[in-house]
């Protein structure tokens, strides 16, 4: 017993999690917070989607609508799904919100959907780079048999 006490004093046998605070259901393991699904950061206090949320100044580079400029907003879709967001004024054209999913800490994806139920189907993906999202997406207008392909569209967060 004396040997164990002396070893702890010399080696520093302290609980590495004693002074660590982890949020949102995270567990502390060996002094590091292990985040629950949907959270990130050193103390797990940030939602994975939080870096995507905000107002963006958009410069689209599309095959039909060319170099359109407009403003859009990405906001939380619900409190329960931390990987889902909604996008208002998508392509400066849709009346209803486009739903997107956060794939991981830097990637976002739009699964095929027709938010306005008018024959136009949008799908695509983007990657956050600092305060910008670079998108590649397409809008398939089944009524007109046209596809508006947008590649390298740049969305810059304006906060």
N, C-alpha and C. Protein backbone atom coordinates (compact mmCIF):
# COMPACT_ATOMS: atom_id res chain seq x y z
N UNK A 1 0.82 -1.18 0.00
CA UNK A 1 0.00 0.00 0.00
C UNK A 1 0.87 1.26 0.00
N UNK A 2 1.94 1.23 0.78
CA UNK A 2 2.85 2.38 0.83
C UNK A 2 3.51 2.56 -0.53
N UNK A 3 3.87 1.46 -1.19
CA UNK A 3 4.49 1.52 -2.50
C UNK A 3 3.54 2.17 -3.52
N UNK A 4 2.24 1.78 -3.52
CA UNK A 4 1.24 2.32 -4.44
C UNK A 4 1.07 3.82 -4.21
N UNK A 5 1.01 4.25 -2.96
CA UNK A 5 0.87 5.67 -2.64
C UNK A 5 2.07 6.45 -3.12
N UNK A 6 3.25 5.93 -2.92
CA UNK A 6 4.47 6.60 -3.35
C UNK A 6 4.51 6.68 -4.88
N UNK A 7 4.07 5.64 -5.58
CA UNK A 7 4.04 5.63 -7.04
C UNK A 7 3.07 6.68 -7.55
N UNK A 8 1.89 6.79 -6.93
CA UNK A 8 0.91 7.79 -7.35
C UNK A 8 1.43 9.20 -7.15
N UNK A 9 2.11 9.44 -6.05
CA UNK A 9 2.66 10.76 -5.81
C UNK A 9 3.71 11.13 -6.85
N UNK A 10 4.56 10.18 -7.21
CA UNK A 10 5.62 10.44 -8.18
C UNK A 10 5.07 10.52 -9.61
N UNK A 11 4.13 9.66 -9.95
CA UNK A 11 3.62 9.58 -11.32
C UNK A 11 2.44 10.51 -11.56
N UNK A 12 1.82 11.03 -10.52
CA UNK A 12 0.68 11.92 -10.69
C UNK A 12 -0.58 11.17 -11.01
N UNK A 13 -1.01 10.28 -10.15
CA UNK A 13 -2.21 9.46 -10.37
C UNK A 13 -3.47 10.27 -10.12
N UNK A 14 -3.72 11.28 -10.90
CA UNK A 14 -4.94 12.07 -10.73
C UNK A 14 -5.94 11.69 -11.81
N UNK A 15 -7.18 11.94 -11.51
CA UNK A 15 -8.26 11.69 -12.46
C UNK A 15 -8.20 12.77 -13.53
N UNK A 16 -7.84 12.41 -14.76
CA UNK A 16 -7.69 13.38 -15.85
C UNK A 16 -9.02 14.02 -16.23
N UNK A 17 -10.13 13.44 -15.81
CA UNK A 17 -11.45 13.99 -16.13
C UNK A 17 -12.02 14.84 -15.00
N UNK A 18 -11.30 14.92 -13.90
CA UNK A 18 -11.81 15.61 -12.72
C UNK A 18 -12.18 17.07 -13.02
N UNK A 19 -11.36 17.78 -13.78
CA UNK A 19 -11.60 19.19 -14.07
C UNK A 19 -12.14 19.43 -15.48
N UNK A 20 -12.47 18.37 -16.19
CA UNK A 20 -12.98 18.49 -17.56
C UNK A 20 -14.50 18.52 -17.53
N UNK A 21 -15.09 19.50 -18.21
CA UNK A 21 -16.54 19.58 -18.32
C UNK A 21 -16.92 19.27 -19.76
N UNK A 22 -17.75 18.27 -19.92
CA UNK A 22 -18.26 17.87 -21.25
C UNK A 22 -19.76 18.14 -21.29
N UNK A 23 -20.24 18.66 -22.39
CA UNK A 23 -21.65 19.02 -22.54
C UNK A 23 -22.39 18.07 -23.47
N UNK A 24 -23.70 18.17 -23.44
CA UNK A 24 -24.61 17.49 -24.37
C UNK A 24 -24.46 15.97 -24.37
N UNK A 25 -24.32 15.41 -23.20
CA UNK A 25 -24.27 13.96 -23.07
C UNK A 25 -22.93 13.34 -23.41
N UNK A 26 -21.91 14.16 -23.53
CA UNK A 26 -20.57 13.64 -23.86
C UNK A 26 -19.97 12.94 -22.64
N UNK A 27 -19.06 12.03 -22.90
CA UNK A 27 -18.36 11.32 -21.84
C UNK A 27 -16.89 11.73 -21.86
N UNK A 28 -16.32 11.84 -20.69
CA UNK A 28 -14.90 12.16 -20.57
C UNK A 28 -14.12 10.85 -20.46
N UNK A 29 -13.14 10.67 -21.34
CA UNK A 29 -12.28 9.50 -21.31
C UNK A 29 -10.84 9.98 -21.33
N UNK A 30 -10.14 9.70 -20.29
CA UNK A 30 -8.72 10.04 -20.18
C UNK A 30 -8.46 11.54 -20.42
N UNK A 31 -9.39 12.39 -19.95
CA UNK A 31 -9.22 13.83 -20.06
C UNK A 31 -9.77 14.44 -21.34
N UNK A 32 -10.35 13.64 -22.21
CA UNK A 32 -10.89 14.12 -23.48
C UNK A 32 -12.38 13.84 -23.57
N UNK A 33 -13.14 14.85 -24.02
CA UNK A 33 -14.58 14.66 -24.19
C UNK A 33 -14.85 13.86 -25.46
N UNK A 34 -15.65 12.82 -25.34
CA UNK A 34 -16.10 12.05 -26.50
C UNK A 34 -17.54 12.50 -26.76
N UNK A 35 -17.72 13.21 -27.86
CA UNK A 35 -19.00 13.87 -28.13
C UNK A 35 -20.09 12.89 -28.54
N UNK A 36 -21.31 13.22 -28.12
CA UNK A 36 -22.49 12.50 -28.58
C UNK A 36 -22.76 12.88 -30.03
N UNK A 37 -23.49 12.07 -30.73
CA UNK A 37 -23.82 12.31 -32.13
C UNK A 37 -24.48 13.69 -32.29
N UNK A 38 -23.99 14.46 -33.25
CA UNK A 38 -24.55 15.77 -33.54
C UNK A 38 -23.81 16.93 -32.90
N UNK A 39 -22.80 16.62 -32.06
CA UNK A 39 -22.04 17.66 -31.37
C UNK A 39 -20.55 17.52 -31.67
N UNK A 40 -19.83 18.64 -31.51
CA UNK A 40 -18.40 18.64 -31.75
C UNK A 40 -17.74 19.71 -30.89
N UNK A 41 -16.44 19.78 -30.95
CA UNK A 41 -15.68 20.75 -30.19
C UNK A 41 -14.99 20.10 -29.00
N UNK A 42 -14.07 20.82 -28.41
CA UNK A 42 -13.29 20.28 -27.30
C UNK A 42 -14.16 19.86 -26.13
N UNK A 43 -15.23 20.63 -25.88
CA UNK A 43 -16.12 20.29 -24.76
C UNK A 43 -17.50 19.82 -25.24
N UNK A 44 -17.63 19.58 -26.55
CA UNK A 44 -18.87 19.07 -27.17
C UNK A 44 -20.03 20.04 -27.02
N UNK A 45 -19.75 21.32 -26.95
CA UNK A 45 -20.82 22.30 -26.77
C UNK A 45 -21.40 22.81 -28.10
N UNK A 46 -20.75 22.53 -29.22
CA UNK A 46 -21.21 23.04 -30.52
C UNK A 46 -21.95 21.96 -31.30
N UNK A 47 -23.08 22.36 -31.87
CA UNK A 47 -23.78 21.45 -32.78
C UNK A 47 -22.99 21.36 -34.08
N UNK A 48 -22.96 20.18 -34.67
CA UNK A 48 -22.23 19.97 -35.93
C UNK A 48 -22.72 20.94 -37.00
N UNK A 49 -24.02 21.20 -37.03
CA UNK A 49 -24.59 22.06 -38.07
C UNK A 49 -24.36 23.54 -37.83
N UNK A 50 -23.92 23.93 -36.63
CA UNK A 50 -23.86 25.36 -36.28
C UNK A 50 -23.00 26.17 -37.24
N UNK A 51 -21.91 25.62 -37.73
CA UNK A 51 -21.04 26.38 -38.63
C UNK A 51 -21.69 26.64 -40.00
N UNK A 52 -22.75 25.89 -40.32
CA UNK A 52 -23.44 26.08 -41.60
C UNK A 52 -24.55 27.14 -41.50
N UNK A 53 -25.05 27.39 -40.29
CA UNK A 53 -26.19 28.28 -40.10
C UNK A 53 -25.81 29.73 -40.34
N UNK A 54 -26.70 30.48 -41.00
CA UNK A 54 -26.47 31.90 -41.20
C UNK A 54 -27.00 32.40 -42.53
N UNK A 55 -26.75 33.66 -42.79
CA UNK A 55 -27.14 34.30 -44.04
C UNK A 55 -25.92 34.33 -44.96
N UNK A 56 -26.17 34.03 -46.22
CA UNK A 56 -25.08 33.93 -47.19
C UNK A 56 -25.34 34.83 -48.40
N UNK A 57 -24.28 35.47 -48.89
CA UNK A 57 -24.30 36.17 -50.17
C UNK A 57 -23.82 35.16 -51.20
N UNK A 58 -24.67 34.90 -52.17
CA UNK A 58 -24.44 33.81 -53.12
C UNK A 58 -24.02 34.36 -54.48
N UNK A 59 -23.03 33.70 -55.07
CA UNK A 59 -22.69 33.90 -56.47
C UNK A 59 -22.77 32.53 -57.12
N UNK A 60 -23.84 32.31 -57.88
CA UNK A 60 -24.02 31.03 -58.57
C UNK A 60 -23.31 31.06 -59.91
N UNK A 61 -22.86 29.89 -60.33
CA UNK A 61 -22.25 29.71 -61.63
C UNK A 61 -22.99 28.55 -62.28
N UNK A 62 -24.06 28.87 -63.01
CA UNK A 62 -24.97 27.83 -63.50
C UNK A 62 -25.08 27.83 -65.03
N UNK A 63 -25.48 26.71 -65.57
CA UNK A 63 -25.55 26.55 -67.03
C UNK A 63 -26.71 27.33 -67.66
N UNK A 64 -27.81 27.52 -66.94
CA UNK A 64 -28.96 28.24 -67.51
C UNK A 64 -29.11 29.63 -66.89
N UNK A 65 -29.06 29.71 -65.57
CA UNK A 65 -29.24 31.00 -64.90
C UNK A 65 -27.94 31.79 -64.80
N UNK A 66 -26.85 31.24 -65.29
CA UNK A 66 -25.54 31.87 -65.37
C UNK A 66 -25.03 32.35 -64.02
N UNK A 67 -24.52 33.57 -63.94
CA UNK A 67 -23.88 34.09 -62.73
C UNK A 67 -24.85 34.92 -61.91
N UNK A 68 -25.80 34.26 -61.30
CA UNK A 68 -26.80 34.96 -60.48
C UNK A 68 -26.21 35.31 -59.12
N UNK A 69 -26.64 36.45 -58.58
CA UNK A 69 -26.24 36.85 -57.24
C UNK A 69 -27.49 37.13 -56.42
N UNK A 70 -27.50 36.62 -55.19
CA UNK A 70 -28.66 36.77 -54.31
C UNK A 70 -28.26 36.42 -52.89
N UNK A 71 -29.19 36.50 -51.98
CA UNK A 71 -28.96 36.16 -50.58
C UNK A 71 -29.84 34.99 -50.19
N UNK A 72 -29.29 34.10 -49.39
CA UNK A 72 -30.04 32.96 -48.89
C UNK A 72 -29.75 32.78 -47.40
N UNK A 73 -30.57 31.96 -46.76
CA UNK A 73 -30.41 31.74 -45.33
C UNK A 73 -30.48 30.25 -45.02
N UNK A 74 -29.52 29.77 -44.24
CA UNK A 74 -29.52 28.39 -43.77
C UNK A 74 -29.88 28.42 -42.28
N UNK A 75 -30.91 27.67 -41.91
CA UNK A 75 -31.36 27.68 -40.52
C UNK A 75 -31.65 26.26 -40.05
N UNK A 76 -31.74 26.10 -38.74
CA UNK A 76 -31.98 24.78 -38.14
C UNK A 76 -33.36 24.28 -38.55
N UNK A 77 -33.42 23.05 -39.02
CA UNK A 77 -34.68 22.46 -39.45
C UNK A 77 -35.54 22.07 -38.25
N UNK A 78 -34.91 21.52 -37.23
CA UNK A 78 -35.63 21.11 -36.03
C UNK A 78 -34.65 20.99 -34.87
N UNK A 79 -35.18 20.92 -33.68
CA UNK A 79 -34.31 20.75 -32.51
C UNK A 79 -33.86 19.31 -32.35
N UNK A 80 -34.60 18.38 -32.95
CA UNK A 80 -34.31 16.96 -32.72
C UNK A 80 -33.30 16.39 -33.71
N UNK A 81 -33.24 16.88 -34.94
CA UNK A 81 -32.30 16.35 -35.93
C UNK A 81 -31.16 17.35 -36.12
N UNK A 82 -30.05 17.11 -35.45
CA UNK A 82 -28.93 18.04 -35.48
C UNK A 82 -28.12 17.97 -36.78
N UNK A 83 -28.47 17.07 -37.67
CA UNK A 83 -27.78 16.93 -38.95
C UNK A 83 -28.59 17.50 -40.11
N UNK A 84 -29.71 18.14 -39.82
CA UNK A 84 -30.58 18.64 -40.88
C UNK A 84 -30.73 20.16 -40.79
N UNK A 85 -30.71 20.82 -41.94
CA UNK A 85 -30.92 22.26 -42.03
C UNK A 85 -31.90 22.53 -43.17
N UNK A 86 -32.44 23.74 -43.17
CA UNK A 86 -33.29 24.19 -44.27
C UNK A 86 -32.63 25.40 -44.91
N UNK A 87 -32.85 25.53 -46.21
CA UNK A 87 -32.27 26.63 -46.97
C UNK A 87 -33.41 27.42 -47.61
N UNK A 88 -33.51 28.70 -47.24
CA UNK A 88 -34.55 29.59 -47.78
C UNK A 88 -34.00 30.30 -49.02
N UNK A 89 -34.88 30.55 -49.99
CA UNK A 89 -34.54 31.26 -51.22
C UNK A 89 -33.45 30.56 -52.02
N UNK A 90 -33.50 29.24 -52.03
CA UNK A 90 -32.50 28.47 -52.77
C UNK A 90 -32.57 28.81 -54.25
N UNK A 91 -31.44 29.09 -54.86
CA UNK A 91 -31.30 29.44 -56.28
C UNK A 91 -32.08 30.71 -56.62
N UNK A 92 -32.44 31.48 -55.59
CA UNK A 92 -33.22 32.71 -55.78
C UNK A 92 -34.52 32.42 -56.53
N UNK A 93 -35.03 31.20 -56.36
CA UNK A 93 -36.15 30.77 -57.20
C UNK A 93 -37.19 29.93 -56.46
N UNK A 94 -36.79 29.12 -55.49
CA UNK A 94 -37.74 28.25 -54.83
C UNK A 94 -38.53 29.00 -53.77
N UNK A 95 -39.83 28.81 -53.75
CA UNK A 95 -40.70 29.43 -52.73
C UNK A 95 -40.59 28.71 -51.40
N UNK A 96 -40.48 27.39 -51.45
CA UNK A 96 -40.37 26.58 -50.24
C UNK A 96 -38.92 26.26 -49.94
N UNK A 97 -38.66 25.92 -48.70
CA UNK A 97 -37.29 25.64 -48.25
C UNK A 97 -36.77 24.32 -48.81
N UNK A 98 -35.51 24.31 -49.13
CA UNK A 98 -34.80 23.09 -49.52
C UNK A 98 -34.20 22.50 -48.25
N UNK A 99 -34.32 21.19 -48.08
CA UNK A 99 -33.78 20.50 -46.91
C UNK A 99 -32.42 19.91 -47.27
N UNK A 100 -31.46 20.12 -46.39
CA UNK A 100 -30.11 19.57 -46.60
C UNK A 100 -29.67 18.85 -45.34
N UNK A 101 -28.74 17.92 -45.53
CA UNK A 101 -28.21 17.14 -44.41
C UNK A 101 -26.72 17.39 -44.28
N UNK A 102 -26.28 17.51 -43.04
CA UNK A 102 -24.86 17.65 -42.76
C UNK A 102 -24.27 16.24 -42.80
N UNK A 103 -23.33 16.01 -43.70
CA UNK A 103 -22.73 14.69 -43.86
C UNK A 103 -21.67 14.47 -42.78
N UNK A 104 -20.86 15.48 -42.55
CA UNK A 104 -19.84 15.45 -41.49
C UNK A 104 -19.52 16.89 -41.13
N UNK A 105 -18.44 17.14 -40.48
CA UNK A 105 -18.11 18.49 -40.04
C UNK A 105 -17.92 19.51 -41.14
N UNK A 106 -17.69 19.08 -42.39
CA UNK A 106 -17.44 20.04 -43.47
C UNK A 106 -18.32 19.86 -44.70
N UNK A 107 -19.06 18.79 -44.80
CA UNK A 107 -19.83 18.52 -46.02
C UNK A 107 -21.34 18.55 -45.77
N UNK A 108 -22.05 19.06 -46.77
CA UNK A 108 -23.50 19.18 -46.72
C UNK A 108 -24.06 18.59 -48.01
N UNK A 109 -25.23 17.97 -47.92
CA UNK A 109 -25.80 17.28 -49.08
C UNK A 109 -27.29 17.59 -49.21
N UNK A 110 -27.72 17.78 -50.44
CA UNK A 110 -29.13 17.94 -50.76
C UNK A 110 -29.56 16.68 -51.50
N UNK A 111 -30.36 15.87 -50.84
CA UNK A 111 -30.92 14.69 -51.52
C UNK A 111 -31.99 15.16 -52.50
N UNK A 112 -32.20 14.43 -53.60
CA UNK A 112 -33.19 14.86 -54.59
C UNK A 112 -34.55 15.17 -53.96
N UNK A 113 -35.08 16.35 -54.29
CA UNK A 113 -36.36 16.78 -53.73
C UNK A 113 -36.99 17.83 -54.63
N UNK A 114 -38.30 17.95 -54.51
CA UNK A 114 -39.06 18.96 -55.25
C UNK A 114 -39.81 19.82 -54.24
N UNK A 115 -39.13 20.81 -53.65
CA UNK A 115 -39.75 21.59 -52.57
C UNK A 115 -41.03 22.32 -52.97
N UNK A 116 -41.10 22.79 -54.21
CA UNK A 116 -42.30 23.51 -54.65
C UNK A 116 -43.31 22.59 -55.35
N UNK A 117 -42.98 21.32 -55.48
CA UNK A 117 -43.86 20.33 -56.12
C UNK A 117 -44.37 20.82 -57.48
N UNK A 118 -43.43 21.35 -58.27
CA UNK A 118 -43.77 21.91 -59.57
C UNK A 118 -43.00 21.27 -60.73
N UNK A 119 -42.41 20.10 -60.47
CA UNK A 119 -41.66 19.42 -61.52
C UNK A 119 -40.17 19.71 -61.50
N UNK A 120 -39.72 20.63 -60.65
CA UNK A 120 -38.30 20.92 -60.53
C UNK A 120 -37.74 20.12 -59.36
N UNK A 121 -36.66 19.38 -59.64
CA UNK A 121 -36.02 18.54 -58.63
C UNK A 121 -34.59 19.05 -58.42
N UNK A 122 -34.26 19.38 -57.19
CA UNK A 122 -32.93 19.88 -56.86
C UNK A 122 -32.16 18.79 -56.11
N UNK A 123 -30.86 18.71 -56.36
CA UNK A 123 -29.97 17.81 -55.62
C UNK A 123 -28.55 18.35 -55.75
N UNK A 124 -27.71 17.98 -54.79
CA UNK A 124 -26.32 18.42 -54.88
C UNK A 124 -25.58 18.28 -53.57
N UNK A 125 -24.38 18.87 -53.54
CA UNK A 125 -23.56 18.79 -52.34
C UNK A 125 -22.65 20.01 -52.27
N UNK A 126 -22.19 20.27 -51.05
CA UNK A 126 -21.30 21.40 -50.83
C UNK A 126 -20.29 21.09 -49.76
N UNK A 127 -19.28 21.94 -49.70
CA UNK A 127 -18.23 21.79 -48.70
C UNK A 127 -17.93 23.15 -48.11
N UNK A 128 -17.91 23.21 -46.77
CA UNK A 128 -17.62 24.47 -46.10
C UNK A 128 -16.11 24.66 -46.07
N UNK A 129 -15.71 25.88 -46.40
CA UNK A 129 -14.30 26.26 -46.41
C UNK A 129 -14.21 27.60 -45.71
N UNK A 130 -13.87 27.58 -44.42
CA UNK A 130 -13.85 28.82 -43.63
C UNK A 130 -15.26 29.31 -43.42
N UNK A 131 -15.56 30.51 -43.96
CA UNK A 131 -16.91 31.07 -43.83
C UNK A 131 -17.69 30.99 -45.14
N UNK A 132 -17.24 30.14 -46.05
CA UNK A 132 -17.92 29.97 -47.33
C UNK A 132 -18.32 28.50 -47.54
N UNK A 133 -19.35 28.31 -48.36
CA UNK A 133 -19.71 26.97 -48.81
C UNK A 133 -19.59 26.97 -50.33
N UNK A 134 -18.87 26.02 -50.86
CA UNK A 134 -18.76 25.85 -52.31
C UNK A 134 -19.69 24.70 -52.69
N UNK A 135 -20.64 25.00 -53.57
CA UNK A 135 -21.70 24.05 -53.94
C UNK A 135 -21.56 23.56 -55.38
N UNK A 136 -21.95 22.33 -55.59
CA UNK A 136 -22.23 21.77 -56.92
C UNK A 136 -23.63 21.19 -56.80
N UNK A 137 -24.54 21.72 -57.61
CA UNK A 137 -25.92 21.22 -57.54
C UNK A 137 -26.57 21.35 -58.91
N UNK A 138 -27.70 20.69 -59.05
CA UNK A 138 -28.45 20.79 -60.29
C UNK A 138 -29.94 20.88 -59.98
N UNK A 139 -30.65 21.53 -60.90
CA UNK A 139 -32.10 21.62 -60.82
C UNK A 139 -32.63 21.04 -62.12
N UNK A 140 -33.29 19.91 -61.98
CA UNK A 140 -33.85 19.23 -63.14
C UNK A 140 -35.31 19.64 -63.29
N UNK A 141 -35.62 20.38 -64.35
CA UNK A 141 -36.99 20.79 -64.61
C UNK A 141 -37.61 19.76 -65.55
N UNK A 142 -38.37 18.83 -64.97
CA UNK A 142 -38.94 17.75 -65.76
C UNK A 142 -40.02 18.24 -66.72
N UNK A 143 -40.66 19.37 -66.41
CA UNK A 143 -41.68 19.93 -67.31
C UNK A 143 -41.08 20.46 -68.60
N UNK A 144 -39.90 21.05 -68.52
CA UNK A 144 -39.25 21.64 -69.68
C UNK A 144 -38.13 20.77 -70.23
N UNK A 145 -37.87 19.64 -69.57
CA UNK A 145 -36.78 18.75 -69.95
C UNK A 145 -35.44 19.49 -69.99
N UNK A 146 -35.16 20.29 -68.91
CA UNK A 146 -33.91 21.04 -68.81
C UNK A 146 -33.24 20.75 -67.48
N UNK A 147 -31.93 20.83 -67.51
CA UNK A 147 -31.16 20.71 -66.27
C UNK A 147 -30.27 21.94 -66.14
N UNK A 148 -30.47 22.66 -65.05
CA UNK A 148 -29.64 23.81 -64.72
C UNK A 148 -28.54 23.31 -63.80
N UNK A 149 -27.34 23.14 -64.33
CA UNK A 149 -26.20 22.63 -63.54
C UNK A 149 -25.41 23.80 -62.99
N UNK A 150 -25.18 23.77 -61.70
CA UNK A 150 -24.45 24.84 -61.02
C UNK A 150 -23.20 24.23 -60.39
N UNK A 151 -22.04 24.68 -60.83
CA UNK A 151 -20.78 24.11 -60.37
C UNK A 151 -19.91 25.20 -59.77
N UNK A 152 -19.40 24.94 -58.59
CA UNK A 152 -18.52 25.90 -57.93
C UNK A 152 -19.22 27.15 -57.46
N UNK A 153 -20.53 27.04 -57.19
CA UNK A 153 -21.26 28.19 -56.67
C UNK A 153 -20.70 28.54 -55.29
N UNK A 154 -20.45 29.82 -55.08
CA UNK A 154 -19.81 30.26 -53.85
C UNK A 154 -20.79 31.01 -52.97
N UNK A 155 -20.98 30.51 -51.75
CA UNK A 155 -21.86 31.12 -50.77
C UNK A 155 -20.98 31.66 -49.65
N UNK A 156 -20.95 32.97 -49.47
CA UNK A 156 -20.10 33.59 -48.46
C UNK A 156 -20.98 34.07 -47.30
N UNK A 157 -20.68 33.59 -46.09
CA UNK A 157 -21.49 33.95 -44.93
C UNK A 157 -21.35 35.43 -44.63
N UNK A 158 -22.51 36.07 -44.44
CA UNK A 158 -22.51 37.50 -44.11
C UNK A 158 -22.92 37.73 -42.66
N UNK A 159 -23.32 36.66 -41.99
CA UNK A 159 -23.73 36.67 -40.57
C UNK A 159 -24.94 37.48 -40.39
